[in-house]
N, C-alpha and C. Protein backbone atom coordinates (compact mmCIF):
# COMPACT_ATOMS: atom_id res chain seq x y z
N MET A 1 152.69 186.34 45.88
CA MET A 1 151.70 186.00 44.88
C MET A 1 150.32 186.15 45.53
N THR A 2 149.44 186.80 44.81
CA THR A 2 148.11 187.02 45.37
C THR A 2 147.28 185.75 45.27
N SER A 3 146.24 185.72 46.05
CA SER A 3 145.40 184.53 46.08
C SER A 3 144.64 184.34 44.75
N SER A 4 144.25 185.43 44.11
CA SER A 4 143.55 185.30 42.82
C SER A 4 144.49 184.75 41.76
N ARG A 5 145.74 185.19 41.75
CA ARG A 5 146.74 184.68 40.80
C ARG A 5 147.00 183.18 41.07
N ARG A 6 147.14 182.82 42.34
CA ARG A 6 147.37 181.43 42.71
C ARG A 6 146.18 180.57 42.28
N HIS A 7 144.96 181.07 42.50
CA HIS A 7 143.76 180.33 42.10
C HIS A 7 143.70 180.15 40.58
N HIS A 8 144.05 181.20 39.83
CA HIS A 8 144.06 181.13 38.37
C HIS A 8 145.09 180.09 37.87
N LEU A 9 146.30 180.08 38.44
CA LEU A 9 147.32 179.11 38.04
C LEU A 9 146.89 177.69 38.37
N LYS A 10 146.25 177.54 39.53
CA LYS A 10 145.78 176.21 39.93
C LYS A 10 144.72 175.69 38.97
N SER A 11 143.80 176.56 38.57
CA SER A 11 142.75 176.13 37.63
C SER A 11 143.35 175.79 36.27
N LEU A 12 144.37 176.55 35.82
CA LEU A 12 145.03 176.22 34.56
C LEU A 12 145.72 174.86 34.62
N MET A 13 146.40 174.60 35.74
CA MET A 13 147.08 173.29 35.90
C MET A 13 146.07 172.15 35.89
N LEU A 14 144.93 172.36 36.53
CA LEU A 14 143.91 171.32 36.55
C LEU A 14 143.33 171.08 35.14
N GLN A 15 143.16 172.13 34.36
CA GLN A 15 142.67 172.00 32.97
C GLN A 15 143.66 171.21 32.13
N ILE A 16 144.94 171.55 32.26
CA ILE A 16 145.97 170.84 31.49
C ILE A 16 146.04 169.38 31.89
N ALA A 17 145.92 169.11 33.19
CA ALA A 17 145.95 167.72 33.65
C ALA A 17 144.75 166.95 33.13
N ALA A 18 143.57 167.58 33.10
CA ALA A 18 142.37 166.91 32.58
C ALA A 18 142.53 166.60 31.10
N GLN A 19 143.10 167.54 30.34
CA GLN A 19 143.32 167.30 28.90
C GLN A 19 144.30 166.14 28.69
N ARG A 20 145.35 166.10 29.49
CA ARG A 20 146.32 165.00 29.36
C ARG A 20 145.68 163.64 29.69
N LEU A 21 144.86 163.62 30.73
CA LEU A 21 144.18 162.37 31.09
C LEU A 21 143.27 161.89 29.97
N GLU A 22 142.52 162.82 29.34
CA GLU A 22 141.64 162.45 28.22
C GLU A 22 142.46 161.91 27.04
N LYS A 23 143.58 162.57 26.75
CA LYS A 23 144.44 162.14 25.65
C LYS A 23 145.03 160.76 25.95
N GLU A 24 145.43 160.54 27.19
CA GLU A 24 146.00 159.24 27.58
C GLU A 24 144.95 158.14 27.45
N ALA A 25 143.71 158.42 27.85
CA ALA A 25 142.63 157.41 27.73
C ALA A 25 142.37 157.12 26.25
N ALA A 26 142.38 158.14 25.40
CA ALA A 26 142.17 157.94 23.97
C ALA A 26 143.31 157.12 23.36
N ASP A 27 144.54 157.39 23.79
CA ASP A 27 145.69 156.62 23.30
C ASP A 27 145.58 155.15 23.69
N ILE A 28 145.11 154.89 24.90
CA ILE A 28 144.95 153.50 25.35
C ILE A 28 143.91 152.77 24.50
N VAL A 29 142.79 153.45 24.21
CA VAL A 29 141.75 152.85 23.38
C VAL A 29 142.27 152.58 21.97
N ALA A 30 143.04 153.52 21.42
CA ALA A 30 143.59 153.35 20.07
C ALA A 30 144.59 152.21 20.04
N ALA A 31 145.42 152.11 21.06
CA ALA A 31 146.41 151.02 21.12
C ALA A 31 145.70 149.67 21.22
N LYS A 32 144.62 149.62 21.98
CA LYS A 32 143.86 148.37 22.14
C LYS A 32 143.24 147.95 20.80
N GLU A 33 142.66 148.93 20.08
CA GLU A 33 142.06 148.62 18.76
C GLU A 33 143.13 148.15 17.78
N ALA A 34 144.31 148.79 17.81
CA ALA A 34 145.38 148.40 16.88
C ALA A 34 145.85 146.98 17.21
N TYR A 35 145.97 146.65 18.45
CA TYR A 35 146.40 145.30 18.84
C TYR A 35 145.38 144.27 18.39
N LEU A 36 144.09 144.56 18.64
CA LEU A 36 143.05 143.61 18.23
C LEU A 36 143.00 143.45 16.71
N ASN A 37 143.17 144.54 15.97
CA ASN A 37 143.17 144.43 14.50
C ASN A 37 144.36 143.62 14.01
N GLU A 38 145.49 143.76 14.68
CA GLU A 38 146.70 143.04 14.27
C GLU A 38 146.62 141.55 14.61
N ASN A 39 146.19 141.25 15.82
CA ASN A 39 146.20 139.86 16.27
C ASN A 39 144.89 139.13 16.04
N CYS A 40 143.79 139.82 15.88
CA CYS A 40 142.51 139.17 15.69
C CYS A 40 141.83 139.74 14.43
N PRO A 41 142.18 139.24 13.29
CA PRO A 41 141.54 139.75 12.05
C PRO A 41 140.04 139.38 12.05
N PRO A 42 139.22 140.12 11.33
CA PRO A 42 137.80 139.80 11.31
C PRO A 42 137.55 138.42 10.68
N LEU A 43 136.58 137.73 11.21
CA LEU A 43 136.28 136.38 10.73
C LEU A 43 135.32 136.42 9.55
N ASP A 44 135.64 135.63 8.51
CA ASP A 44 134.66 135.41 7.45
C ASP A 44 134.28 133.94 7.56
N PHE A 45 133.03 133.71 7.79
CA PHE A 45 132.59 132.34 7.97
C PHE A 45 132.45 131.66 6.61
N PRO A 46 133.22 130.59 6.43
CA PRO A 46 133.15 129.88 5.15
C PRO A 46 131.83 129.13 5.02
N SER A 47 131.48 128.87 3.77
CA SER A 47 130.20 128.20 3.50
C SER A 47 130.36 126.68 3.49
N SER A 48 131.54 126.19 3.18
CA SER A 48 131.70 124.73 3.11
C SER A 48 132.17 124.19 4.47
N VAL A 49 131.92 122.91 4.68
CA VAL A 49 132.28 122.25 5.93
C VAL A 49 133.80 122.12 6.06
N GLU A 50 134.47 121.85 4.96
CA GLU A 50 135.92 121.70 4.97
C GLU A 50 136.61 123.01 5.38
N ASP A 51 136.14 124.12 4.83
CA ASP A 51 136.72 125.42 5.18
C ASP A 51 136.45 125.76 6.66
N LEU A 52 135.28 125.36 7.15
CA LEU A 52 134.92 125.61 8.54
C LEU A 52 135.83 124.78 9.46
N GLN A 53 136.11 123.52 9.09
CA GLN A 53 137.02 122.69 9.89
C GLN A 53 138.43 123.26 9.90
N LYS A 54 138.84 123.75 8.74
CA LYS A 54 140.17 124.36 8.62
C LYS A 54 140.28 125.60 9.53
N LEU A 55 139.22 126.44 9.55
CA LEU A 55 139.17 127.63 10.40
C LEU A 55 139.24 127.23 11.87
N CYS A 56 138.52 126.19 12.26
CA CYS A 56 138.54 125.72 13.65
C CYS A 56 139.94 125.25 14.04
N LYS A 57 140.62 124.54 13.14
CA LYS A 57 141.98 124.08 13.44
C LYS A 57 142.92 125.27 13.62
N GLU A 58 142.79 126.28 12.78
CA GLU A 58 143.63 127.48 12.90
C GLU A 58 143.38 128.20 14.23
N LEU A 59 142.09 128.30 14.61
CA LEU A 59 141.74 128.95 15.89
C LEU A 59 142.30 128.16 17.07
N HIS A 60 142.23 126.82 17.01
CA HIS A 60 142.79 126.00 18.08
C HIS A 60 144.30 126.17 18.18
N ALA A 61 144.97 126.27 17.01
CA ALA A 61 146.42 126.48 17.01
C ALA A 61 146.77 127.82 17.65
N LYS A 62 145.96 128.87 17.33
CA LYS A 62 146.21 130.20 17.92
C LYS A 62 145.96 130.18 19.43
N ILE A 63 144.90 129.47 19.82
CA ILE A 63 144.59 129.37 21.26
C ILE A 63 145.73 128.67 22.00
N ASP A 64 146.26 127.58 21.41
CA ASP A 64 147.38 126.87 22.04
C ASP A 64 148.59 127.79 22.17
N LYS A 65 148.85 128.56 21.11
CA LYS A 65 150.00 129.48 21.13
C LYS A 65 149.83 130.53 22.24
N VAL A 66 148.64 131.09 22.37
CA VAL A 66 148.37 132.10 23.40
C VAL A 66 148.49 131.48 24.79
N ASP A 67 147.99 130.23 24.96
CA ASP A 67 148.11 129.54 26.24
C ASP A 67 149.57 129.34 26.63
N GLU A 68 150.41 128.95 25.66
CA GLU A 68 151.84 128.77 25.93
C GLU A 68 152.48 130.09 26.36
N GLU A 69 152.12 131.17 25.67
CA GLU A 69 152.68 132.49 26.03
C GLU A 69 152.22 132.89 27.43
N ARG A 70 150.94 132.62 27.74
CA ARG A 70 150.41 132.97 29.08
C ARG A 70 151.12 132.15 30.16
N TYR A 71 151.35 130.85 29.87
CA TYR A 71 152.06 129.99 30.83
C TYR A 71 153.49 130.49 31.05
N ASP A 72 154.15 130.85 29.95
CA ASP A 72 155.53 131.36 30.07
C ASP A 72 155.55 132.67 30.89
N ALA A 73 154.57 133.54 30.64
CA ALA A 73 154.52 134.80 31.38
C ALA A 73 154.27 134.53 32.86
N ASP A 74 153.36 133.59 33.16
CA ASP A 74 153.10 133.25 34.56
C ASP A 74 154.33 132.68 35.23
N ALA A 75 155.07 131.83 34.50
CA ALA A 75 156.30 131.24 35.06
C ALA A 75 157.33 132.32 35.33
N LYS A 76 157.45 133.29 34.42
CA LYS A 76 158.41 134.39 34.63
C LYS A 76 158.03 135.22 35.86
N VAL A 77 156.73 135.49 35.98
CA VAL A 77 156.26 136.28 37.13
C VAL A 77 156.50 135.52 38.43
N ALA A 78 156.20 134.22 38.43
CA ALA A 78 156.42 133.42 39.65
C ALA A 78 157.91 133.37 40.01
N LYS A 79 158.76 133.23 39.00
CA LYS A 79 160.20 133.21 39.24
C LYS A 79 160.66 134.55 39.81
N GLY A 80 160.16 135.63 39.24
CA GLY A 80 160.51 136.97 39.74
C GLY A 80 160.06 137.16 41.18
N ASN A 81 158.83 136.70 41.49
CA ASN A 81 158.31 136.83 42.87
C ASN A 81 159.15 136.01 43.84
N LYS A 82 159.57 134.83 43.41
CA LYS A 82 160.40 133.99 44.28
C LYS A 82 161.76 134.65 44.52
N GLU A 83 162.34 135.24 43.48
CA GLU A 83 163.62 135.95 43.65
C GLU A 83 163.47 137.12 44.61
N VAL A 84 162.35 137.85 44.49
CA VAL A 84 162.11 138.99 45.39
C VAL A 84 162.02 138.50 46.83
N GLU A 85 161.29 137.40 47.06
CA GLU A 85 161.17 136.87 48.42
C GLU A 85 162.53 136.41 48.97
N ASP A 86 163.32 135.76 48.11
CA ASP A 86 164.66 135.32 48.54
C ASP A 86 165.53 136.52 48.90
N LEU A 87 165.43 137.58 48.09
CA LEU A 87 166.22 138.78 48.39
C LEU A 87 165.76 139.43 49.68
N LYS A 88 164.45 139.44 49.94
CA LYS A 88 163.95 140.00 51.19
C LYS A 88 164.49 139.21 52.38
N ILE A 89 164.49 137.89 52.25
CA ILE A 89 164.99 137.04 53.31
C ILE A 89 166.48 137.29 53.55
N SER A 90 167.25 137.41 52.45
CA SER A 90 168.68 137.65 52.62
C SER A 90 168.94 139.02 53.25
N VAL A 91 168.12 140.01 52.90
CA VAL A 91 168.27 141.34 53.51
C VAL A 91 168.01 141.27 55.00
N THR A 92 166.94 140.58 55.40
CA THR A 92 166.65 140.47 56.84
C THR A 92 167.75 139.67 57.54
N ASP A 93 168.33 138.67 56.86
CA ASP A 93 169.43 137.92 57.46
C ASP A 93 170.65 138.82 57.67
N MET A 94 170.92 139.69 56.69
CA MET A 94 172.07 140.58 56.80
C MET A 94 171.86 141.61 57.91
N LYS A 95 170.65 142.12 58.01
CA LYS A 95 170.37 143.12 59.02
C LYS A 95 170.32 142.48 60.41
N GLY A 96 169.92 141.25 60.45
CA GLY A 96 169.72 140.59 61.75
C GLY A 96 168.27 140.65 62.13
N MET A 97 167.85 139.67 62.88
CA MET A 97 166.45 139.61 63.26
C MET A 97 166.16 140.67 64.32
N LYS A 98 165.02 141.27 64.24
CA LYS A 98 164.63 142.23 65.24
C LYS A 98 164.12 141.46 66.45
N LYS A 99 164.68 141.76 67.60
CA LYS A 99 164.27 141.06 68.80
C LYS A 99 163.01 141.74 69.35
N PRO A 100 161.99 140.97 69.63
CA PRO A 100 160.79 141.58 70.19
C PRO A 100 161.01 142.02 71.63
N ALA A 101 160.26 142.99 72.02
CA ALA A 101 160.37 143.47 73.40
C ALA A 101 159.81 142.40 74.32
N LEU A 102 160.60 141.99 75.28
CA LEU A 102 160.17 140.93 76.18
C LEU A 102 159.47 141.52 77.39
N LYS A 103 158.48 140.78 77.86
CA LYS A 103 157.76 141.23 79.03
C LYS A 103 158.44 140.67 80.27
N LYS A 104 158.39 141.43 81.36
CA LYS A 104 158.96 140.95 82.61
C LYS A 104 157.99 139.97 83.23
N VAL A 105 158.52 138.82 83.58
CA VAL A 105 157.72 137.80 84.25
C VAL A 105 158.38 137.51 85.57
N ARG A 106 157.61 137.62 86.61
CA ARG A 106 158.15 137.36 87.94
C ARG A 106 157.82 135.93 88.33
N LEU A 107 158.83 135.11 88.42
CA LEU A 107 158.66 133.73 88.82
C LEU A 107 159.62 133.44 89.97
N SER A 108 159.13 132.67 90.90
CA SER A 108 160.03 132.24 91.97
C SER A 108 160.89 131.10 91.42
N ALA A 109 161.89 130.72 92.17
CA ALA A 109 162.77 129.64 91.73
C ALA A 109 161.98 128.34 91.61
N ASP A 110 161.04 128.10 92.52
CA ASP A 110 160.23 126.88 92.44
C ASP A 110 159.38 126.87 91.17
N GLN A 111 158.80 128.01 90.84
CA GLN A 111 157.97 128.08 89.63
C GLN A 111 158.79 127.89 88.38
N MET A 112 160.03 128.45 88.36
CA MET A 112 160.89 128.26 87.20
C MET A 112 161.27 126.80 87.03
N LEU A 113 161.63 126.14 88.12
CA LEU A 113 161.99 124.72 88.04
C LEU A 113 160.79 123.89 87.61
N GLN A 114 159.62 124.23 88.10
CA GLN A 114 158.42 123.49 87.72
C GLN A 114 158.12 123.70 86.24
N ALA A 115 158.34 124.91 85.72
CA ALA A 115 158.11 125.18 84.31
C ALA A 115 159.12 124.44 83.44
N LEU A 116 160.37 124.37 83.90
CA LEU A 116 161.40 123.69 83.13
C LEU A 116 161.27 122.18 83.19
N LEU A 117 161.04 121.65 84.38
CA LEU A 117 161.03 120.20 84.56
C LEU A 117 159.66 119.59 84.39
N GLY A 118 158.62 120.38 84.40
CA GLY A 118 157.27 119.84 84.27
C GLY A 118 156.62 119.68 85.63
N SER A 119 155.36 119.33 85.61
CA SER A 119 154.61 119.24 86.87
C SER A 119 154.90 117.94 87.62
N LYS A 120 155.53 116.96 86.97
CA LYS A 120 155.83 115.68 87.63
C LYS A 120 156.88 115.83 88.72
N HIS A 121 157.87 116.64 88.48
CA HIS A 121 158.98 116.78 89.42
C HIS A 121 158.63 117.82 90.47
N LYS A 122 158.66 117.40 91.69
CA LYS A 122 158.40 118.33 92.79
C LYS A 122 159.73 118.69 93.41
N VAL A 123 160.27 119.79 93.00
CA VAL A 123 161.56 120.25 93.53
C VAL A 123 161.30 121.56 94.24
N THR A 124 161.68 121.61 95.50
CA THR A 124 161.56 122.88 96.21
C THR A 124 162.94 123.44 96.38
N MET A 125 163.04 124.67 96.18
CA MET A 125 164.33 125.30 96.25
C MET A 125 164.21 126.50 97.17
N ASP A 126 164.35 126.23 98.44
CA ASP A 126 164.29 127.30 99.41
C ASP A 126 165.72 127.79 99.61
N LEU A 127 166.04 128.91 99.02
CA LEU A 127 167.41 129.41 99.05
C LEU A 127 167.82 129.86 100.45
N ARG A 128 166.88 130.26 101.25
CA ARG A 128 167.22 130.76 102.59
C ARG A 128 167.60 129.64 103.54
N SER A 129 167.12 128.43 103.28
CA SER A 129 167.42 127.33 104.22
C SER A 129 168.89 126.93 104.18
N ASN A 130 169.57 127.18 103.06
CA ASN A 130 170.96 126.77 102.93
C ASN A 130 171.95 127.83 103.45
N LEU A 131 171.42 128.97 103.88
CA LEU A 131 172.31 130.03 104.35
C LEU A 131 172.76 129.78 105.79
N LYS A 132 173.94 130.29 106.16
CA LYS A 132 174.44 130.18 107.53
C LYS A 132 173.63 131.09 108.42
N GLN A 133 173.50 130.68 109.66
CA GLN A 133 172.85 131.51 110.64
C GLN A 133 173.90 132.40 111.28
N VAL A 134 173.76 133.67 111.21
CA VAL A 134 174.72 134.61 111.77
C VAL A 134 174.04 135.39 112.89
N LYS A 135 174.69 135.39 114.05
CA LYS A 135 174.14 136.14 115.17
C LYS A 135 174.71 137.55 115.13
N LYS A 136 173.84 138.49 115.28
CA LYS A 136 174.29 139.87 115.26
C LYS A 136 174.77 140.25 116.66
N GLU A 137 175.91 140.88 116.72
CA GLU A 137 176.44 141.36 117.98
C GLU A 137 175.98 142.79 118.18
N VAL A 138 175.45 143.03 119.34
CA VAL A 138 174.99 144.37 119.64
C VAL A 138 176.15 145.14 120.25
N LYS A 139 176.56 146.17 119.59
CA LYS A 139 177.67 146.99 120.10
C LYS A 139 177.09 148.20 120.79
N GLU A 140 177.57 148.40 121.97
CA GLU A 140 177.11 149.57 122.69
C GLU A 140 178.13 150.68 122.48
N GLU A 141 177.62 151.77 122.01
CA GLU A 141 178.49 152.89 121.76
C GLU A 141 178.31 153.87 122.92
N ALA A 142 179.32 153.98 123.72
CA ALA A 142 179.24 154.83 124.90
C ALA A 142 179.31 156.30 124.52
N ALA A 143 180.16 156.60 123.56
CA ALA A 143 180.38 158.00 123.23
C ALA A 143 179.19 158.59 122.49
N VAL A 144 178.65 157.82 121.47
CA VAL A 144 177.61 158.41 120.64
C VAL A 144 176.25 158.16 121.23
N GLY A 145 175.82 156.93 121.33
CA GLY A 145 174.54 156.60 121.95
C GLY A 145 173.36 157.13 121.17
N ASP A 146 172.21 157.06 121.82
CA ASP A 146 170.98 157.54 121.20
C ASP A 146 170.82 159.03 121.47
N TRP A 147 170.51 159.82 120.54
CA TRP A 147 170.46 161.27 120.69
C TRP A 147 169.32 161.68 121.61
N ARG A 148 168.22 160.87 121.63
CA ARG A 148 167.11 161.23 122.51
C ARG A 148 167.52 161.09 123.99
N GLN A 149 168.28 160.04 124.25
CA GLN A 149 168.71 159.80 125.62
C GLN A 149 169.68 160.91 126.06
N ASN A 150 170.55 161.34 125.15
CA ASN A 150 171.47 162.43 125.49
C ASN A 150 170.72 163.69 125.87
N ILE A 151 169.65 163.96 125.13
CA ILE A 151 168.86 165.18 125.42
C ILE A 151 168.15 165.03 126.75
N GLU A 152 167.60 163.83 127.01
CA GLU A 152 166.92 163.64 128.29
C GLU A 152 167.90 163.75 129.46
N ASP A 153 169.12 163.23 129.27
CA ASP A 153 170.11 163.33 130.34
C ASP A 153 170.50 164.78 130.62
N LYS A 154 170.55 165.57 129.58
CA LYS A 154 171.01 166.95 129.74
C LYS A 154 169.87 167.89 130.09
N ALA A 155 168.65 167.38 130.12
CA ALA A 155 167.52 168.25 130.40
C ALA A 155 167.54 168.64 131.89
N GLY A 156 167.10 169.83 132.16
CA GLY A 156 166.99 170.32 133.53
C GLY A 156 168.35 170.64 134.11
N MET A 157 168.36 170.96 135.42
CA MET A 157 169.58 171.34 136.10
C MET A 157 170.51 170.16 136.30
N GLY A 158 169.93 168.98 136.48
CA GLY A 158 170.77 167.81 136.67
C GLY A 158 171.61 167.56 135.43
N GLY A 159 171.07 167.80 134.29
CA GLY A 159 171.79 167.60 133.04
C GLY A 159 172.93 168.58 132.90
N ARG A 160 172.66 169.81 133.27
CA ARG A 160 173.70 170.84 133.16
C ARG A 160 174.85 170.54 134.14
N LYS A 161 174.45 170.01 135.27
CA LYS A 161 175.46 169.66 136.27
C LYS A 161 176.37 168.57 135.75
N LYS A 162 175.75 167.55 135.04
CA LYS A 162 176.53 166.47 134.47
C LYS A 162 177.49 167.01 133.39
N MET A 163 177.02 167.97 132.62
CA MET A 163 177.89 168.53 131.58
C MET A 163 179.10 169.19 132.18
N PHE A 164 178.85 169.96 133.26
CA PHE A 164 179.98 170.64 133.87
C PHE A 164 180.92 169.66 134.56
N GLU A 165 180.36 168.59 135.20
CA GLU A 165 181.18 167.60 135.86
C GLU A 165 182.01 166.86 134.82
N GLY A 166 181.41 166.58 133.64
CA GLY A 166 182.14 165.88 132.58
C GLY A 166 183.23 166.77 132.01
N ALA A 167 183.02 168.09 132.00
CA ALA A 167 184.00 168.99 131.43
C ALA A 167 185.17 169.18 132.38
N GLU A 168 184.94 169.05 133.69
CA GLU A 168 186.01 169.26 134.65
C GLU A 168 187.00 168.09 134.62
N GLN A 169 186.55 166.92 134.34
CA GLN A 169 187.43 165.77 134.41
C GLN A 169 188.32 165.73 133.26
């Protein structure tokens, strides 16, 4: 499709959309006028006081009726909102709570105990003091030994002599 054809179709669609929006706005105005004509007839002001009192009583009765309808509508909306909130809560209960990502906190054992027990309790927990003392035995390895020492021993003619003497035995 060429760009001129695409541009032409786009402009036609925009014109049709603008016409529909104008028609929709006119329909809304007409519906509003029809509702007002139906529910609010034009007032003729009576000349006598009795007729005027009667008109006021009728208007008060209509106002009370509209207030009752508004209250009922508000109650229905509030009930619907409460049901929606309850359903949201039940959905989150079914899915399970999302666990937040926890931050790593480095605490020593003393700090943890102090946080749990409070600052009044002075408990020291030196874990190393309760461990056994183990003495390390130094094993001398005659065959393997340190590689640097082996090289120093074998360096020069004396080293070569030792190699040959060790090989003869």
